[in-house]
N, C-alpha and C. Protein backbone atom coordinates (compact mmCIF):
# COMPACT_ATOMS: atom_id res chain seq x y z
N MET A 1 69.06 90.72 83.09
CA MET A 1 69.56 91.34 84.30
C MET A 1 70.48 92.50 83.91
N PRO A 2 70.37 93.62 84.61
CA PRO A 2 71.27 94.74 84.33
C PRO A 2 72.63 94.55 85.02
N PHE A 3 73.64 95.17 84.42
CA PHE A 3 75.02 95.08 84.92
C PHE A 3 75.64 96.47 84.96
N CYS A 4 76.59 96.65 85.87
CA CYS A 4 77.38 97.88 85.88
C CYS A 4 78.55 97.67 84.94
N PRO A 5 78.70 98.52 83.91
CA PRO A 5 79.81 98.34 82.97
C PRO A 5 81.18 98.66 83.58
N VAL A 6 81.21 99.36 84.72
CA VAL A 6 82.48 99.70 85.37
C VAL A 6 82.86 98.62 86.38
N CYS A 7 81.98 98.38 87.33
CA CYS A 7 82.25 97.41 88.40
C CYS A 7 82.00 95.96 87.97
N ARG A 8 81.20 95.81 86.92
CA ARG A 8 80.83 94.51 86.37
C ARG A 8 79.96 93.69 87.34
N GLN A 9 79.23 94.39 88.21
CA GLN A 9 78.32 93.73 89.15
C GLN A 9 76.96 93.52 88.49
N GLU A 10 76.30 92.44 88.84
CA GLU A 10 74.97 92.16 88.32
C GLU A 10 73.93 92.67 89.32
N TYR A 11 72.86 93.27 88.81
CA TYR A 11 71.79 93.82 89.65
C TYR A 11 70.46 93.18 89.28
N VAL A 12 69.49 93.31 90.18
CA VAL A 12 68.14 92.81 89.91
C VAL A 12 67.43 93.82 89.01
N GLU A 13 66.43 93.36 88.30
CA GLU A 13 65.65 94.22 87.42
C GLU A 13 65.06 95.39 88.22
N GLY A 14 64.98 96.54 87.58
CA GLY A 14 64.40 97.71 88.21
C GLY A 14 65.44 98.69 88.75
N ILE A 15 66.67 98.23 88.95
CA ILE A 15 67.74 99.12 89.41
C ILE A 15 68.35 99.78 88.18
N GLU A 16 68.59 101.08 88.26
CA GLU A 16 69.10 101.82 87.11
C GLU A 16 70.55 102.25 87.24
N LYS A 17 71.01 102.46 88.49
CA LYS A 17 72.38 102.94 88.72
C LYS A 17 73.12 101.99 89.65
N CYS A 18 74.42 101.91 89.45
CA CYS A 18 75.28 101.10 90.31
C CYS A 18 75.35 101.75 91.69
N ALA A 19 75.16 100.95 92.73
CA ALA A 19 75.21 101.46 94.10
C ALA A 19 76.64 101.84 94.50
N ASP A 20 77.63 101.24 93.87
CA ASP A 20 79.03 101.51 94.22
C ASP A 20 79.60 102.74 93.52
N CYS A 21 79.38 102.85 92.21
CA CYS A 21 80.05 103.93 91.46
C CYS A 21 79.09 104.92 90.81
N GLY A 22 77.79 104.67 90.85
CA GLY A 22 76.83 105.61 90.31
C GLY A 22 76.65 105.57 88.80
N THR A 23 77.31 104.63 88.14
CA THR A 23 77.21 104.49 86.69
C THR A 23 75.86 103.88 86.31
N TYR A 24 75.27 104.36 85.21
CA TYR A 24 74.02 103.76 84.74
C TYR A 24 74.29 102.33 84.28
N LEU A 25 73.35 101.45 84.61
CA LEU A 25 73.50 100.03 84.29
C LEU A 25 73.16 99.77 82.83
N VAL A 26 73.69 98.68 82.30
CA VAL A 26 73.46 98.25 80.93
C VAL A 26 72.88 96.85 80.93
N GLY A 27 72.24 96.49 79.84
CA GLY A 27 71.62 95.18 79.74
C GLY A 27 72.61 94.04 79.53
N GLU A 28 73.76 94.38 79.00
CA GLU A 28 74.76 93.35 78.70
C GLU A 28 76.15 93.93 78.97
N LEU A 29 77.00 93.14 79.59
CA LEU A 29 78.36 93.61 79.86
C LEU A 29 79.18 93.68 78.59
N PRO A 30 79.93 94.77 78.40
CA PRO A 30 80.84 94.82 77.25
C PRO A 30 81.98 93.84 77.47
N ALA A 31 82.55 93.36 76.38
CA ALA A 31 83.68 92.44 76.48
C ALA A 31 84.85 93.17 77.13
N LEU A 32 85.63 92.43 77.90
CA LEU A 32 86.82 93.02 78.50
C LEU A 32 87.81 93.35 77.40
N GLN A 33 88.38 94.55 77.48
CA GLN A 33 89.33 94.97 76.46
C GLN A 33 90.73 94.53 76.83
N GLU A 34 91.45 94.07 75.84
CA GLU A 34 92.85 93.75 76.03
C GLU A 34 93.63 95.06 76.06
N PRO A 35 94.64 95.18 76.93
CA PRO A 35 95.43 96.40 76.91
C PRO A 35 96.10 96.56 75.56
N ASP A 36 96.18 97.80 75.07
CA ASP A 36 96.81 97.99 73.78
C ASP A 36 98.32 97.76 73.91
N GLU A 37 98.96 97.54 72.79
CA GLU A 37 100.36 97.17 72.78
C GLU A 37 101.24 98.22 73.44
N ALA A 38 100.94 99.49 73.20
CA ALA A 38 101.75 100.56 73.78
C ALA A 38 101.67 100.53 75.30
N GLU A 39 100.49 100.25 75.84
CA GLU A 39 100.33 100.24 77.29
C GLU A 39 101.03 99.05 77.93
N THR A 40 101.13 97.94 77.24
CA THR A 40 101.80 96.78 77.82
C THR A 40 103.30 97.00 77.93
N GLN A 41 103.82 97.99 77.22
CA GLN A 41 105.24 98.29 77.26
C GLN A 41 105.60 99.24 78.41
N LEU A 42 104.62 99.73 79.14
CA LEU A 42 104.87 100.68 80.21
C LEU A 42 105.42 100.00 81.46
N VAL A 43 106.16 100.76 82.25
CA VAL A 43 106.69 100.24 83.51
C VAL A 43 106.17 101.08 84.67
N GLN A 44 105.98 100.44 85.79
CA GLN A 44 105.49 101.14 86.98
C GLN A 44 106.67 101.79 87.68
N VAL A 45 106.52 103.09 87.98
CA VAL A 45 107.59 103.81 88.67
C VAL A 45 107.25 104.10 90.13
N CYS A 46 105.97 104.09 90.48
CA CYS A 46 105.58 104.25 91.88
C CYS A 46 104.10 103.94 92.04
N THR A 47 103.68 103.91 93.29
CA THR A 47 102.27 103.74 93.63
C THR A 47 101.86 104.90 94.51
N ALA A 48 100.82 105.61 94.11
CA ALA A 48 100.28 106.71 94.91
C ALA A 48 99.22 106.15 95.84
N GLY A 49 99.09 106.75 97.01
CA GLY A 49 98.12 106.27 97.99
C GLY A 49 96.69 106.56 97.64
N ASP A 50 96.46 107.61 96.81
CA ASP A 50 95.10 107.96 96.44
C ASP A 50 95.13 108.80 95.16
N GLU A 51 93.96 109.18 94.68
CA GLU A 51 93.83 109.92 93.42
C GLU A 51 94.49 111.29 93.49
N ILE A 52 94.38 111.96 94.62
CA ILE A 52 94.98 113.30 94.75
C ILE A 52 96.49 113.22 94.61
N GLU A 53 97.11 112.30 95.33
CA GLU A 53 98.56 112.13 95.23
C GLU A 53 98.96 111.75 93.80
N ALA A 54 98.17 110.89 93.16
CA ALA A 54 98.46 110.48 91.78
C ALA A 54 98.43 111.68 90.83
N GLN A 55 97.46 112.56 91.01
CA GLN A 55 97.35 113.74 90.14
C GLN A 55 98.51 114.71 90.37
N ILE A 56 98.97 114.82 91.60
CA ILE A 56 100.13 115.67 91.90
C ILE A 56 101.37 115.11 91.19
N ILE A 57 101.56 113.80 91.28
CA ILE A 57 102.69 113.15 90.61
C ILE A 57 102.57 113.30 89.10
N ARG A 58 101.36 113.11 88.58
CA ARG A 58 101.15 113.27 87.14
C ARG A 58 101.54 114.68 86.69
N GLY A 59 101.16 115.68 87.47
CA GLY A 59 101.49 117.07 87.14
C GLY A 59 102.99 117.31 87.14
N ALA A 60 103.69 116.75 88.13
CA ALA A 60 105.15 116.91 88.19
C ALA A 60 105.82 116.24 87.00
N LEU A 61 105.33 115.05 86.65
CA LEU A 61 105.91 114.35 85.49
C LEU A 61 105.62 115.11 84.20
N LYS A 62 104.41 115.62 84.07
CA LYS A 62 104.05 116.38 82.87
C LYS A 62 104.93 117.62 82.74
N ALA A 63 105.17 118.30 83.87
CA ALA A 63 106.03 119.48 83.85
C ALA A 63 107.45 119.14 83.42
N ALA A 64 107.87 117.90 83.69
CA ALA A 64 109.20 117.44 83.29
C ALA A 64 109.19 116.86 81.88
N GLY A 65 108.04 116.89 81.22
CA GLY A 65 107.95 116.38 79.85
C GLY A 65 107.80 114.88 79.76
N ILE A 66 107.32 114.25 80.84
CA ILE A 66 107.16 112.79 80.87
C ILE A 66 105.68 112.45 80.87
N ALA A 67 105.25 111.69 79.86
CA ALA A 67 103.87 111.23 79.80
C ALA A 67 103.71 110.04 80.75
N CYS A 68 102.54 109.95 81.38
CA CYS A 68 102.30 108.81 82.27
C CYS A 68 100.85 108.35 82.14
N VAL A 69 100.62 107.14 82.64
CA VAL A 69 99.29 106.55 82.67
C VAL A 69 99.01 106.20 84.12
N LEU A 70 97.80 106.47 84.59
CA LEU A 70 97.40 106.12 85.94
C LEU A 70 96.51 104.88 85.88
N ARG A 71 96.82 103.90 86.69
CA ARG A 71 96.02 102.66 86.73
C ARG A 71 95.66 102.33 88.15
N GLY A 72 94.40 101.97 88.37
CA GLY A 72 93.95 101.56 89.69
C GLY A 72 92.49 101.14 89.62
N GLU A 73 91.97 100.75 90.75
CA GLU A 73 90.57 100.35 90.83
C GLU A 73 89.67 101.55 90.50
N ALA A 74 88.57 101.30 89.84
CA ALA A 74 87.63 102.38 89.52
C ALA A 74 87.11 103.05 90.78
N LEU A 75 87.12 102.34 91.88
CA LEU A 75 86.64 102.87 93.15
C LEU A 75 87.39 104.13 93.55
N ARG A 76 88.64 104.26 93.15
CA ARG A 76 89.44 105.42 93.53
C ARG A 76 88.85 106.71 92.99
N LEU A 77 88.10 106.63 91.90
CA LEU A 77 87.54 107.82 91.27
C LEU A 77 86.27 108.30 91.98
N THR A 78 85.62 107.43 92.72
CA THR A 78 84.39 107.81 93.39
C THR A 78 84.56 107.99 94.88
N HIS A 79 85.53 107.31 95.45
CA HIS A 79 85.81 107.41 96.88
C HIS A 79 87.27 107.80 97.04
N GLY A 80 87.53 108.92 97.66
CA GLY A 80 88.89 109.40 97.77
C GLY A 80 89.67 108.83 98.94
N ILE A 81 89.29 107.66 99.40
CA ILE A 81 89.98 107.07 100.54
C ILE A 81 90.62 105.75 100.16
N THR A 82 91.61 105.36 100.92
CA THR A 82 92.23 104.06 100.69
C THR A 82 91.69 103.09 101.72
N ALA A 83 91.09 102.03 101.26
CA ALA A 83 90.62 100.95 102.12
C ALA A 83 91.17 99.66 101.53
N ASP A 84 92.11 99.08 102.21
CA ASP A 84 92.77 97.87 101.71
C ASP A 84 93.37 98.07 100.33
N GLY A 85 93.89 99.25 100.08
CA GLY A 85 94.56 99.54 98.82
C GLY A 85 93.63 99.84 97.65
N LEU A 86 92.34 99.96 97.88
CA LEU A 86 91.41 100.17 96.76
C LEU A 86 91.59 101.50 96.06
N ALA A 87 92.10 102.50 96.75
CA ALA A 87 92.28 103.81 96.12
C ALA A 87 93.70 104.01 95.61
N GLU A 88 94.56 103.01 95.78
CA GLU A 88 95.93 103.14 95.30
C GLU A 88 95.96 103.28 93.78
N VAL A 89 96.92 104.05 93.30
CA VAL A 89 97.04 104.30 91.87
C VAL A 89 98.47 104.01 91.44
N LYS A 90 98.62 103.17 90.43
CA LYS A 90 99.94 102.87 89.89
C LYS A 90 100.28 103.92 88.84
N ILE A 91 101.51 104.43 88.89
CA ILE A 91 101.99 105.41 87.93
C ILE A 91 102.88 104.67 86.94
N LEU A 92 102.50 104.67 85.66
CA LEU A 92 103.22 103.95 84.62
C LEU A 92 103.79 104.92 83.60
N VAL A 93 105.01 104.65 83.15
CA VAL A 93 105.66 105.48 82.13
C VAL A 93 106.34 104.57 81.11
N ARG A 94 106.80 105.17 80.01
CA ARG A 94 107.57 104.41 79.02
C ARG A 94 108.89 103.99 79.65
N PRO A 95 109.41 102.83 79.27
CA PRO A 95 110.66 102.35 79.87
C PRO A 95 111.80 103.35 79.76
N GLU A 96 111.88 104.06 78.65
CA GLU A 96 112.98 105.02 78.46
C GLU A 96 112.84 106.25 79.37
N ASP A 97 111.65 106.47 79.96
CA ASP A 97 111.43 107.61 80.85
C ASP A 97 111.48 107.22 82.33
N ALA A 98 111.61 105.93 82.61
CA ALA A 98 111.48 105.44 83.99
C ALA A 98 112.50 106.06 84.94
N GLU A 99 113.75 106.09 84.57
CA GLU A 99 114.78 106.62 85.47
C GLU A 99 114.53 108.09 85.79
N GLN A 100 114.25 108.88 84.76
CA GLN A 100 113.98 110.30 84.97
C GLN A 100 112.71 110.49 85.80
N ALA A 101 111.69 109.68 85.54
CA ALA A 101 110.44 109.79 86.29
C ALA A 101 110.67 109.51 87.77
N ARG A 102 111.43 108.47 88.07
CA ARG A 102 111.72 108.16 89.47
C ARG A 102 112.48 109.31 90.14
N SER A 103 113.37 109.94 89.39
CA SER A 103 114.12 111.08 89.91
C SER A 103 113.20 112.25 90.21
N VAL A 104 112.28 112.56 89.29
CA VAL A 104 111.32 113.64 89.47
C VAL A 104 110.45 113.37 90.71
N ILE A 105 109.99 112.14 90.85
CA ILE A 105 109.14 111.76 91.99
C ILE A 105 109.91 111.87 93.30
N ALA A 106 111.14 111.38 93.31
CA ALA A 106 111.98 111.46 94.51
C ALA A 106 112.25 112.91 94.89
N GLN A 107 112.51 113.75 93.90
CA GLN A 107 112.75 115.16 94.17
C GLN A 107 111.50 115.81 94.77
N GLY A 108 110.34 115.46 94.26
CA GLY A 108 109.09 115.98 94.80
C GLY A 108 108.87 115.54 96.24
N GLU A 109 109.24 114.29 96.57
CA GLU A 109 109.09 113.79 97.93
C GLU A 109 110.03 114.54 98.88
N ARG A 110 111.24 114.85 98.41
CA ARG A 110 112.19 115.58 99.26
C ARG A 110 111.71 117.00 99.53
N THR A 111 111.10 117.63 98.53
CA THR A 111 110.63 119.01 98.70
C THR A 111 109.38 119.07 99.57
N ALA A 112 108.60 118.00 99.58
CA ALA A 112 107.35 117.98 100.36
C ALA A 112 107.63 117.85 101.85
N THR A 113 108.80 117.37 102.21
CA THR A 113 109.07 117.17 103.65
C THR A 113 109.83 118.31 104.25
């Protein structure tokens, strides 16, 4: 049986692409990867409502010299809408950057209004 390596859904024989994300199916699911040690040390500083907002926040953090990681459902990359939180994106940074990152994000929210 073919599987989607992104959504991890099983399909019947003869289907080549995932109906949800458009990824080509594989014959066997890859093993789930454990998060690397560096990523487990990250802290969440905010949650963006969708991919566009997450990219804006990422840009502001990058401009401030703060590296970040975006985490969320794969669905957010194919559908730009939030349905029951599926497009939400968590913004993660190193613990030592968390306070400054929250400040940068708050400043951006104040300027947007």
